[in-house]
Amino acid sequence: RYALQQGIHQFLDLGSGIPTVGNVHDIAHHTNA
């Protein structure tokens, strides 16, 4: 959310690959379409 407020709209998520609820892209899209 902070990154979105600062004008960042693209994210590269280098995670473990374990599916979870509330991934980076889900949070970003829900906060800012």
PDB file of all heavy atoms in Angstrom:
ATOM      1  N   ARG A   1       0.832  -1.216   0.000  1.00  0.00           N
ATOM      2  CA  ARG A   1       0.000   0.000   0.000  1.00  0.00           C
ATOM      3  C   ARG A   1       0.863   1.260   0.000  1.00  0.00           C
ATOM      4  O   ARG A   1       0.563   2.231  -0.693  1.00  0.00           O
ATOM      5  CB  ARG A   1      -0.950  -0.006   1.185  1.00  0.00           C
ATOM      6  CG  ARG A   1      -2.053  -1.029   1.021  1.00  0.00           C
ATOM      7  CD  ARG A   1      -3.000  -1.013   2.198  1.00  0.00           C
ATOM      8  NE  ARG A   1      -3.967  -2.084   2.068  1.00  0.00           N
ATOM      9  CZ  ARG A   1      -4.337  -2.879   3.048  1.00  0.00           C
ATOM     10  NH1 ARG A   1      -3.840  -2.725   4.259  1.00  0.00           N
ATOM     11  NH2 ARG A   1      -5.221  -3.832   2.837  1.00  0.00           N
ATOM     12  N   TYR A   2       1.930   1.267   0.769  1.00  0.00           N
ATOM     13  CA  TYR A   2       2.834   2.413   0.801  1.00  0.00           C
ATOM     14  C   TYR A   2       3.472   2.627  -0.568  1.00  0.00           C
ATOM     15  O   TYR A   2       3.538   3.756  -1.054  1.00  0.00           O
ATOM     16  CB  TYR A   2       3.917   2.218   1.867  1.00  0.00           C
ATOM     17  CG  TYR A   2       4.906   3.356   1.900  1.00  0.00           C
ATOM     18  CD1 TYR A   2       4.581   4.545   2.539  1.00  0.00           C
ATOM     19  CD2 TYR A   2       6.142   3.245   1.285  1.00  0.00           C
ATOM     20  CE1 TYR A   2       5.477   5.607   2.558  1.00  0.00           C
ATOM     21  CE2 TYR A   2       7.047   4.293   1.297  1.00  0.00           C
ATOM     22  CZ  TYR A   2       6.704   5.473   1.940  1.00  0.00           C
ATOM     23  OH  TYR A   2       7.587   6.520   1.946  1.00  0.00           O
ATOM     24  N   ALA A   3       3.941   1.563  -1.183  1.00  0.00           N
ATOM     25  CA  ALA A   3       4.556   1.680  -2.511  1.00  0.00           C
ATOM     26  C   ALA A   3       3.554   2.247  -3.519  1.00  0.00           C
ATOM     27  O   ALA A   3       3.905   3.107  -4.333  1.00  0.00           O
ATOM     28  CB  ALA A   3       5.083   0.331  -2.976  1.00  0.00           C
ATOM     29  N   LEU A   4       2.311   1.792  -3.456  1.00  0.00           N
ATOM     30  CA  LEU A   4       1.285   2.326  -4.354  1.00  0.00           C
ATOM     31  C   LEU A   4       1.076   3.814  -4.117  1.00  0.00           C
ATOM     32  O   LEU A   4       0.949   4.593  -5.070  1.00  0.00           O
ATOM     33  CB  LEU A   4      -0.036   1.570  -4.165  1.00  0.00           C
ATOM     34  CG  LEU A   4      -0.088   0.162  -4.742  1.00  0.00           C
ATOM     35  CD1 LEU A   4      -1.300  -0.583  -4.200  1.00  0.00           C
ATOM     36  CD2 LEU A   4      -0.112   0.206  -6.253  1.00  0.00           C
ATOM     37  N   GLN A   5       1.053   4.240  -2.866  1.00  0.00           N
ATOM     38  CA  GLN A   5       0.878   5.664  -2.548  1.00  0.00           C
ATOM     39  C   GLN A   5       2.039   6.496  -3.067  1.00  0.00           C
ATOM     40  O   GLN A   5       1.874   7.677  -3.373  1.00  0.00           O
ATOM     41  CB  GLN A   5       0.742   5.860  -1.040  1.00  0.00           C
ATOM     42  CG  GLN A   5      -0.544   5.319  -0.465  1.00  0.00           C
ATOM     43  CD  GLN A   5      -0.530   5.316   1.053  1.00  0.00           C
ATOM     44  OE1 GLN A   5       0.475   5.600   1.700  1.00  0.00           O
ATOM     45  NE2 GLN A   5      -1.677   4.959   1.637  1.00  0.00           N
ATOM     46  N   GLN A   6       3.211   5.891  -3.181  1.00  0.00           N
ATOM     47  CA  GLN A   6       4.391   6.597  -3.681  1.00  0.00           C
ATOM     48  C   GLN A   6       4.483   6.574  -5.198  1.00  0.00           C
ATOM     49  O   GLN A   6       5.433   7.097  -5.773  1.00  0.00           O
ATOM     50  CB  GLN A   6       5.662   6.000  -3.069  1.00  0.00           C
ATOM     51  CG  GLN A   6       5.706   6.062  -1.564  1.00  0.00           C
ATOM     52  CD  GLN A   6       5.491   7.466  -1.028  1.00  0.00           C
ATOM     53  OE1 GLN A   6       6.174   8.400  -1.430  1.00  0.00           O
ATOM     54  NE2 GLN A   6       4.530   7.610  -0.130  1.00  0.00           N
ATOM     55  N   GLY A   7       3.504   5.960  -5.858  1.00  0.00           N
ATOM     56  CA  GLY A   7       3.471   5.952  -7.318  1.00  0.00           C
ATOM     57  C   GLY A   7       4.035   4.700  -7.961  1.00  0.00           C
ATOM     58  O   GLY A   7       4.170   4.643  -9.181  1.00  0.00           O
ATOM     59  N   ILE A   8       4.390   3.713  -7.184  1.00  0.00           N
ATOM     60  CA  ILE A   8       4.902   2.463  -7.737  1.00  0.00           C
ATOM     61  C   ILE A   8       3.710   1.572  -8.050  1.00  0.00           C
ATOM     62  O   ILE A   8       2.879   1.311  -7.188  1.00  0.00           O
ATOM     63  CB  ILE A   8       5.858   1.768  -6.749  1.00  0.00           C
ATOM     64  CG1 ILE A   8       7.067   2.667  -6.502  1.00  0.00           C
ATOM     65  CG2 ILE A   8       6.271   0.391  -7.262  1.00  0.00           C
ATOM     66  CD1 ILE A   8       7.962   2.216  -5.378  1.00  0.00           C
ATOM     67  N   HIS A   9       3.620   1.123  -9.292  1.00  0.00           N
ATOM     68  CA  HIS A   9       2.466   0.331  -9.718  1.00  0.00           C
ATOM     69  C   HIS A   9       2.850  -1.018 -10.319  1.00  0.00           C
ATOM     70  O   HIS A   9       1.991  -1.741 -10.787  1.00  0.00           O
ATOM     71  CB  HIS A   9       1.627   1.116 -10.731  1.00  0.00           C
ATOM     72  CG  HIS A   9       1.062   2.360 -10.145  1.00  0.00           C
ATOM     73  ND1 HIS A   9      -0.032   2.372  -9.314  1.00  0.00           N
ATOM     74  CD2 HIS A   9       1.462   3.642 -10.237  1.00  0.00           C
ATOM     75  CE1 HIS A   9      -0.298   3.598  -8.939  1.00  0.00           C
ATOM     76  NE2 HIS A   9       0.602   4.389  -9.481  1.00  0.00           N
ATOM     77  N   GLN A  10       4.137  -1.328 -10.326  1.00  0.00           N
ATOM     78  CA  GLN A  10       4.568  -2.632 -10.814  1.00  0.00           C
ATOM     79  C   GLN A  10       5.442  -3.278  -9.751  1.00  0.00           C
ATOM     80  O   GLN A  10       6.288  -2.617  -9.157  1.00  0.00           O
ATOM     81  CB  GLN A  10       5.353  -2.499 -12.123  1.00  0.00           C
ATOM     82  CG  GLN A  10       4.499  -2.032 -13.272  1.00  0.00           C
ATOM     83  CD  GLN A  10       5.287  -1.988 -14.571  1.00  0.00           C
ATOM     84  OE1 GLN A  10       6.510  -1.940 -14.575  1.00  0.00           O
ATOM     85  NE2 GLN A  10       4.573  -2.009 -15.670  1.00  0.00           N
ATOM     86  N   PHE A  11       5.222  -4.558  -9.520  1.00  0.00           N
ATOM     87  CA  PHE A  11       5.925  -5.271  -8.471  1.00  0.00           C
ATOM     88  C   PHE A  11       6.507  -6.567  -9.020  1.00  0.00           C
ATOM     89  O   PHE A  11       5.873  -7.239  -9.809  1.00  0.00           O
ATOM     90  CB  PHE A  11       4.962  -5.612  -7.319  1.00  0.00           C
ATOM     91  CG  PHE A  11       4.350  -4.400  -6.689  1.00  0.00           C
ATOM     92  CD1 PHE A  11       3.173  -3.866  -7.177  1.00  0.00           C
ATOM     93  CD2 PHE A  11       4.964  -3.793  -5.621  1.00  0.00           C
ATOM     94  CE1 PHE A  11       2.609  -2.748  -6.603  1.00  0.00           C
ATOM     95  CE2 PHE A  11       4.406  -2.675  -5.037  1.00  0.00           C
ATOM     96  CZ  PHE A  11       3.228  -2.149  -5.526  1.00  0.00           C
ATOM     97  N   LEU A  12       7.689  -6.892  -8.581  1.00  0.00           N
ATOM     98  CA  LEU A  12       8.309  -8.168  -8.883  1.00  0.00           C
ATOM     99  C   LEU A  12       8.398  -8.935  -7.573  1.00  0.00           C
ATOM    100  O   LEU A  12       9.142  -8.575  -6.668  1.00  0.00           O
ATOM    101  CB  LEU A  12       9.708  -7.980  -9.478  1.00  0.00           C
ATOM    102  CG  LEU A  12      10.487  -9.246  -9.788  1.00  0.00           C
ATOM    103  CD1 LEU A  12       9.733 -10.103 -10.798  1.00  0.00           C
ATOM    104  CD2 LEU A  12      11.866  -8.894 -10.293  1.00  0.00           C
ATOM    105  N   ASP A  13       7.582  -9.962  -7.447  1.00  0.00           N
ATOM    106  CA  ASP A  13       7.496 -10.732  -6.216  1.00  0.00           C
ATOM    107  C   ASP A  13       8.310 -12.000  -6.366  1.00  0.00           C
ATOM    108  O   ASP A  13       7.936 -12.904  -7.095  1.00  0.00           O
ATOM    109  CB  ASP A  13       6.030 -11.051  -5.918  1.00  0.00           C
ATOM    110  CG  ASP A  13       5.853 -11.800  -4.613  1.00  0.00           C
ATOM    111  OD1 ASP A  13       6.789 -11.862  -3.810  1.00  0.00           O
ATOM    112  OD2 ASP A  13       4.750 -12.332  -4.414  1.00  0.00           O
ATOM    113  N   LEU A  14       9.417 -12.069  -5.683  1.00  0.00           N
ATOM    114  CA  LEU A  14      10.267 -13.256  -5.707  1.00  0.00           C
ATOM    115  C   LEU A  14      10.009 -14.039  -4.423  1.00  0.00           C
ATOM    116  O   LEU A  14      10.728 -13.919  -3.447  1.00  0.00           O
ATOM    117  CB  LEU A  14      11.743 -12.862  -5.819  1.00  0.00           C
ATOM    118  CG  LEU A  14      12.096 -12.023  -7.042  1.00  0.00           C
ATOM    119  CD1 LEU A  14      13.531 -11.549  -6.971  1.00  0.00           C
ATOM    120  CD2 LEU A  14      11.839 -12.797  -8.303  1.00  0.00           C
ATOM    121  N   GLY A  15       8.959 -14.807  -4.429  1.00  0.00           N
ATOM    122  CA  GLY A  15       8.563 -15.540  -3.225  1.00  0.00           C
ATOM    123  C   GLY A  15       8.972 -16.994  -3.298  1.00  0.00           C
ATOM    124  O   GLY A  15       9.668 -17.441  -4.201  1.00  0.00           O
ATOM    125  N   SER A  16       8.487 -17.731  -2.335  1.00  0.00           N
ATOM    126  CA  SER A  16       8.845 -19.138  -2.233  1.00  0.00           C
ATOM    127  C   SER A  16       8.015 -20.022  -3.157  1.00  0.00           C
ATOM    128  O   SER A  16       8.302 -21.199  -3.318  1.00  0.00           O
ATOM    129  CB  SER A  16       8.651 -19.609  -0.793  1.00  0.00           C
ATOM    130  OG  SER A  16       7.279 -19.504  -0.443  1.00  0.00           O
ATOM    131  N   GLY A  17       6.955 -19.467  -3.722  1.00  0.00           N
ATOM    132  CA  GLY A  17       6.108 -20.246  -4.600  1.00  0.00           C
ATOM    133  C   GLY A  17       4.988 -20.970  -3.878  1.00  0.00           C
ATOM    134  O   GLY A  17       4.185 -21.647  -4.487  1.00  0.00           O
ATOM    135  N   ILE A  18       4.927 -20.818  -2.568  1.00  0.00           N
ATOM    136  CA  ILE A  18       3.846 -21.440  -1.798  1.00  0.00           C
ATOM    137  C   ILE A  18       2.613 -20.555  -1.941  1.00  0.00           C
ATOM    138  O   ILE A  18       2.653 -19.377  -1.594  1.00  0.00           O
ATOM    139  CB  ILE A  18       4.243 -21.589  -0.317  1.00  0.00           C
ATOM    140  CG1 ILE A  18       5.474 -22.483  -0.191  1.00  0.00           C
ATOM    141  CG2 ILE A  18       3.069 -22.114   0.509  1.00  0.00           C
ATOM    142  CD1 ILE A  18       6.079 -22.520   1.187  1.00  0.00           C
ATOM    143  N   PRO A  19       1.525 -21.095  -2.467  1.00  0.00           N
ATOM    144  CA  PRO A  19       0.335 -20.250  -2.661  1.00  0.00           C
ATOM    145  C   PRO A  19      -0.271 -19.825  -1.321  1.00  0.00           C
ATOM    146  O   PRO A  19      -0.422 -20.641  -0.409  1.00  0.00           O
ATOM    147  CB  PRO A  19      -0.628 -21.157  -3.431  1.00  0.00           C
ATOM    148  CG  PRO A  19      -0.092 -22.526  -3.315  1.00  0.00           C
ATOM    149  CD  PRO A  19       1.343 -22.448  -2.928  1.00  0.00           C
ATOM    150  N   THR A  20      -0.543 -18.548  -1.207  1.00  0.00           N
ATOM    151  CA  THR A  20      -1.165 -18.000  -0.005  1.00  0.00           C
ATOM    152  C   THR A  20      -2.245 -17.014  -0.405  1.00  0.00           C
ATOM    153  O   THR A  20      -2.309 -16.581  -1.556  1.00  0.00           O
ATOM    154  CB  THR A  20      -0.145 -17.264   0.882  1.00  0.00           C
ATOM    155  OG1 THR A  20       0.402 -16.182   0.131  1.00  0.00           O
ATOM    156  CG2 THR A  20       0.959 -18.175   1.354  1.00  0.00           C
ATOM    157  N   VAL A  21      -3.069 -16.662   0.524  1.00  0.00           N
ATOM    158  CA  VAL A  21      -4.079 -15.643   0.297  1.00  0.00           C
ATOM    159  C   VAL A  21      -3.435 -14.293   0.571  1.00  0.00           C
ATOM    160  O   VAL A  21      -2.684 -14.139   1.522  1.00  0.00           O
ATOM    161  CB  VAL A  21      -5.286 -15.869   1.237  1.00  0.00           C
ATOM    162  CG1 VAL A  21      -6.299 -14.761   1.093  1.00  0.00           C
ATOM    163  CG2 VAL A  21      -5.915 -17.218   0.961  1.00  0.00           C
ATOM    164  N   GLY A  22      -3.732 -13.318  -0.291  1.00  0.00           N
ATOM    165  CA  GLY A  22      -3.166 -11.985  -0.099  1.00  0.00           C
ATOM    166  C   GLY A  22      -1.788 -11.842  -0.707  1.00  0.00           C
ATOM    167  O   GLY A  22      -0.886 -11.284  -0.100  1.00  0.00           O
ATOM    168  N   ASN A  23      -1.621 -12.352  -1.934  1.00  0.00           N
ATOM    169  CA  ASN A  23      -0.357 -12.182  -2.645  1.00  0.00           C
ATOM    170  C   ASN A  23      -0.147 -10.711  -2.988  1.00  0.00           C
ATOM    171  O   ASN A  23      -1.071  -9.905  -2.941  1.00  0.00           O
ATOM    172  CB  ASN A  23      -0.369 -12.991  -3.944  1.00  0.00           C
ATOM    173  CG  ASN A  23      -0.379 -14.475  -3.680  1.00  0.00           C
ATOM    174  OD1 ASN A  23       0.402 -14.957  -2.885  1.00  0.00           O
ATOM    175  ND2 ASN A  23      -1.279 -15.179  -4.333  1.00  0.00           N
ATOM    176  N   VAL A  24       1.074 -10.358  -3.362  1.00  0.00           N
ATOM    177  CA  VAL A  24       1.397  -8.975  -3.697  1.00  0.00           C
ATOM    178  C   VAL A  24       0.460  -8.445  -4.772  1.00  0.00           C
ATOM    179  O   VAL A  24      -0.100  -7.357  -4.651  1.00  0.00           O
ATOM    180  CB  VAL A  24       2.875  -8.844  -4.151  1.00  0.00           C
ATOM    181  CG1 VAL A  24       3.152  -7.467  -4.714  1.00  0.00           C
ATOM    182  CG2 VAL A  24       3.810  -9.151  -3.001  1.00  0.00           C
ATOM    183  N   HIS A  25       0.255  -9.207  -5.852  1.00  0.00           N
ATOM    184  CA  HIS A  25      -0.592  -8.708  -6.935  1.00  0.00           C
ATOM    185  C   HIS A  25      -2.048  -8.578  -6.494  1.00  0.00           C
ATOM    186  O   HIS A  25      -2.756  -7.687  -6.939  1.00  0.00           O
ATOM    187  CB  HIS A  25      -0.459  -9.568  -8.199  1.00  0.00           C
ATOM    188  CG  HIS A  25      -0.960 -10.961  -8.047  1.00  0.00           C
ATOM    189  ND1 HIS A  25      -0.194 -11.977  -7.532  1.00  0.00           N
ATOM    190  CD2 HIS A  25      -2.166 -11.512  -8.329  1.00  0.00           C
ATOM    191  CE1 HIS A  25      -0.903 -13.088  -7.509  1.00  0.00           C
ATOM    192  NE2 HIS A  25      -2.100 -12.840  -7.987  1.00  0.00           N
ATOM    193  N   ASP A  26      -2.510  -9.449  -5.602  1.00  0.00           N
ATOM    194  CA  ASP A  26      -3.880  -9.332  -5.082  1.00  0.00           C
ATOM    195  C   ASP A  26      -4.046  -8.067  -4.258  1.00  0.00           C
ATOM    196  O   ASP A  26      -5.028  -7.334  -4.403  1.00  0.00           O
ATOM    197  CB  ASP A  26      -4.240 -10.536  -4.210  1.00  0.00           C
ATOM    198  CG  ASP A  26      -4.374 -11.823  -4.995  1.00  0.00           C
ATOM    199  OD1 ASP A  26      -4.696 -11.763  -6.204  1.00  0.00           O
ATOM    200  OD2 ASP A  26      -4.159 -12.892  -4.395  1.00  0.00           O
ATOM    201  N   ILE A  27      -3.085  -7.791  -3.388  1.00  0.00           N
ATOM    202  CA  ILE A  27      -3.138  -6.596  -2.549  1.00  0.00           C
ATOM    203  C   ILE A  27      -3.089  -5.345  -3.420  1.00  0.00           C
ATOM    204  O   ILE A  27      -3.872  -4.413  -3.241  1.00  0.00           O
ATOM    205  CB  ILE A  27      -1.980  -6.591  -1.533  1.00  0.00           C
ATOM    206  CG1 ILE A  27      -2.107  -7.774  -0.581  1.00  0.00           C
ATOM    207  CG2 ILE A  27      -1.939  -5.272  -0.761  1.00  0.00           C
ATOM    208  CD1 ILE A  27      -0.855  -8.032   0.237  1.00  0.00           C
ATOM    209  N   ALA A  28      -2.165  -5.322  -4.379  1.00  0.00           N
ATOM    210  CA  ALA A  28      -2.025  -4.145  -5.241  1.00  0.00           C
ATOM    211  C   ALA A  28      -3.284  -3.908  -6.056  1.00  0.00           C
ATOM    212  O   ALA A  28      -3.761  -2.773  -6.154  1.00  0.00           O
ATOM    213  CB  ALA A  28      -0.815  -4.322  -6.170  1.00  0.00           C
ATOM    214  N   HIS A  29      -3.836  -4.950  -6.636  1.00  0.00           N
ATOM    215  CA  HIS A  29      -5.022  -4.779  -7.470  1.00  0.00           C
ATOM    216  C   HIS A  29      -6.241  -4.399  -6.633  1.00  0.00           C
ATOM    217  O   HIS A  29      -7.050  -3.584  -7.043  1.00  0.00           O
ATOM    218  CB  HIS A  29      -5.302  -6.040  -8.281  1.00  0.00           C
ATOM    219  CG  HIS A  29      -6.343  -5.843  -9.330  1.00  0.00           C
ATOM    220  ND1 HIS A  29      -6.128  -5.065 -10.442  1.00  0.00           N
ATOM    221  CD2 HIS A  29      -7.613  -6.281  -9.427  1.00  0.00           C
ATOM    222  CE1 HIS A  29      -7.227  -5.049 -11.179  1.00  0.00           C
ATOM    223  NE2 HIS A  29      -8.142  -5.781 -10.570  1.00  0.00           N
ATOM    224  N   HIS A  30      -6.367  -4.970  -5.444  1.00  0.00           N
ATOM    225  CA  HIS A  30      -7.492  -4.642  -4.567  1.00  0.00           C
ATOM    226  C   HIS A  30      -7.393  -3.195  -4.080  1.00  0.00           C
ATOM    227  O   HIS A  30      -8.391  -2.498  -3.978  1.00  0.00           O
ATOM    228  CB  HIS A  30      -7.536  -5.591  -3.375  1.00  0.00           C
ATOM    229  CG  HIS A  30      -8.651  -5.314  -2.429  1.00  0.00           C
ATOM    230  ND1 HIS A  30      -9.970  -5.508  -2.766  1.00  0.00           N
ATOM    231  CD2 HIS A  30      -8.650  -4.832  -1.159  1.00  0.00           C
ATOM    232  CE1 HIS A  30     -10.737  -5.152  -1.745  1.00  0.00           C
ATOM    233  NE2 HIS A  30      -9.955  -4.749  -0.756  1.00  0.00           N
ATOM    234  N   THR A  31      -6.170  -2.728  -3.802  1.00  0.00           N
ATOM    235  CA  THR A  31      -5.961  -1.373  -3.313  1.00  0.00           C
ATOM    236  C   THR A  31      -6.060  -0.352  -4.428  1.00  0.00           C
ATOM    237  O   THR A  31      -6.581   0.732  -4.243  1.00  0.00           O
ATOM    238  CB  THR A  31      -4.578  -1.259  -2.638  1.00  0.00           C
ATOM    239  OG1 THR A  31      -4.511  -2.236  -1.596  1.00  0.00           O
ATOM    240  CG2 THR A  31      -4.362   0.115  -2.044  1.00  0.00           C
ATOM    241  N   ASN A  32      -5.554  -0.712  -5.613  1.00  0.00           N
ATOM    242  CA  ASN A  32      -5.517   0.221  -6.737  1.00  0.00           C
ATOM    243  C   ASN A  32      -5.756  -0.573  -8.014  1.00  0.00           C
ATOM    244  O   ASN A  32      -4.874  -1.274  -8.485  1.00  0.00           O
ATOM    245  CB  ASN A  32      -4.156   0.916  -6.783  1.00  0.00           C
ATOM    246  CG  ASN A  32      -4.048   1.901  -7.907  1.00  0.00           C
ATOM    247  OD1 ASN A  32      -4.943   2.040  -8.727  1.00  0.00           O
ATOM    248  ND2 ASN A  32      -2.934   2.604  -7.960  1.00  0.00           N
ATOM    249  N   ALA A  33      -6.934  -0.419  -8.601  1.00  0.00           N
ATOM    250  CA  ALA A  33      -7.284  -1.194  -9.795  1.00  0.00           C
ATOM    251  C   ALA A  33      -6.396  -0.866 -10.986  1.00  0.00           C
ATOM    252  O   ALA A  33      -6.370  -1.614 -11.963  1.00  0.00           O
ATOM    253  CB  ALA A  33      -8.748  -0.969 -10.157  1.00  0.00           C
TER     254      ALA A  33
END
